[in-house]
Structure formats: C-alpha cells, structure tokens
C-alpha cells in the first residue's frame, strides 16, 4: 500500500485521478484533487503516470 501527494499549485482539477481512483483521491473545497487514503501500489503508480500536469507523486 502506498499514499500519494498532490501538489495543489500544479493541480488543474481535471478529475482524472478522482474519477479513476476514487479510493485514494477526492476533490477538496477549492476543486483540486487531494490524496486522502492509501491504495494499492498499482493505483498510485497509475495516478502518478497519468496526471496530465504531473501534480501527483508518491508520498
């Protein structure tokens, strides 16, 4: 299990991570993604690889 970190300054709120991996990501009050839970390694690795602006990294 891994946890991710979302760089709020880079996040554009596109929702790809939230839509694909809601078990680990959710929107905050500002409409940007945040990592709120640990998830399987593959889930975090996919979110890191597919974020269009590179805002997600492993914590």
Protein backbone atom coordinates (compact mmCIF):
# COMPACT_ATOMS: atom_id res chain seq x y z
CA UNK A 1 0.00 0.00 0.00
CA UNK A 2 1.15 3.49 -0.86
CA UNK A 3 -0.08 7.02 -0.38
CA UNK A 4 0.23 9.86 -2.84
CA UNK A 5 0.69 13.59 -2.51
CA UNK A 6 -0.93 16.13 -4.81
CA UNK A 7 0.82 19.42 -5.49
CA UNK A 8 -2.10 21.87 -5.28
CA UNK A 9 -0.11 24.54 -7.12
CA UNK A 10 0.14 22.28 -10.18
CA UNK A 11 -3.26 20.57 -9.98
CA UNK A 12 -5.78 21.87 -12.53
CA UNK A 13 -8.73 19.93 -11.10
CA UNK A 14 -9.27 17.86 -14.24
CA UNK A 15 -10.58 14.94 -12.16
CA UNK A 16 -8.72 12.12 -13.90
CA UNK A 17 -7.32 10.76 -10.63
CA UNK A 18 -10.60 11.22 -8.75
CA UNK A 19 -12.61 9.54 -11.49
CA UNK A 20 -10.19 6.67 -11.97
CA UNK A 21 -9.10 6.12 -8.38
CA UNK A 22 -11.75 7.44 -6.01
CA UNK A 23 -10.49 5.04 -3.35
CA UNK A 24 -7.42 7.27 -2.93
CA UNK A 25 -8.33 10.72 -4.33
CA UNK A 26 -11.11 13.24 -3.80
CA UNK A 27 -11.75 16.90 -4.58
CA UNK A 28 -11.09 19.48 -1.89
CA UNK A 29 -13.13 22.65 -1.31
CA UNK A 30 -11.07 24.51 -3.92
CA UNK A 31 -11.95 21.95 -6.62
CA UNK A 32 -8.48 20.45 -6.71
CA UNK A 33 -7.57 16.83 -6.11
CA UNK A 34 -6.17 15.60 -2.83
CA UNK A 35 -4.93 12.20 -1.75
CA UNK A 36 -6.88 11.06 1.29
CA UNK A 37 -6.10 7.35 1.68
CA UNK A 38 -3.52 4.71 0.97
CA UNK A 39 -4.18 2.49 -2.03
CA UNK A 40 -2.65 -0.44 -3.84
CA UNK A 41 0.77 0.32 -5.32
CA UNK A 42 -0.58 0.00 -8.88
CA UNK A 43 -3.30 2.60 -8.21
CA UNK A 44 -0.82 5.21 -7.01
CA UNK A 45 1.66 4.42 -9.77
CA UNK A 46 -1.10 4.80 -12.39
CA UNK A 47 -2.24 8.13 -10.93
CA UNK A 48 1.34 9.42 -10.95
CA UNK A 49 1.84 8.28 -14.55
CA UNK A 50 -1.43 9.62 -15.93
CA UNK A 51 -1.75 13.03 -14.27
CA UNK A 52 -1.65 15.43 -17.23
CA UNK A 53 0.28 18.11 -15.32
CA UNK A 54 2.50 15.91 -13.15
CA UNK A 55 0.90 17.09 -9.91
CA UNK A 56 0.87 13.67 -8.22
CA UNK A 57 3.83 11.97 -6.60
CA UNK A 58 4.31 9.12 -4.19
CA UNK A 59 4.36 10.28 -0.58
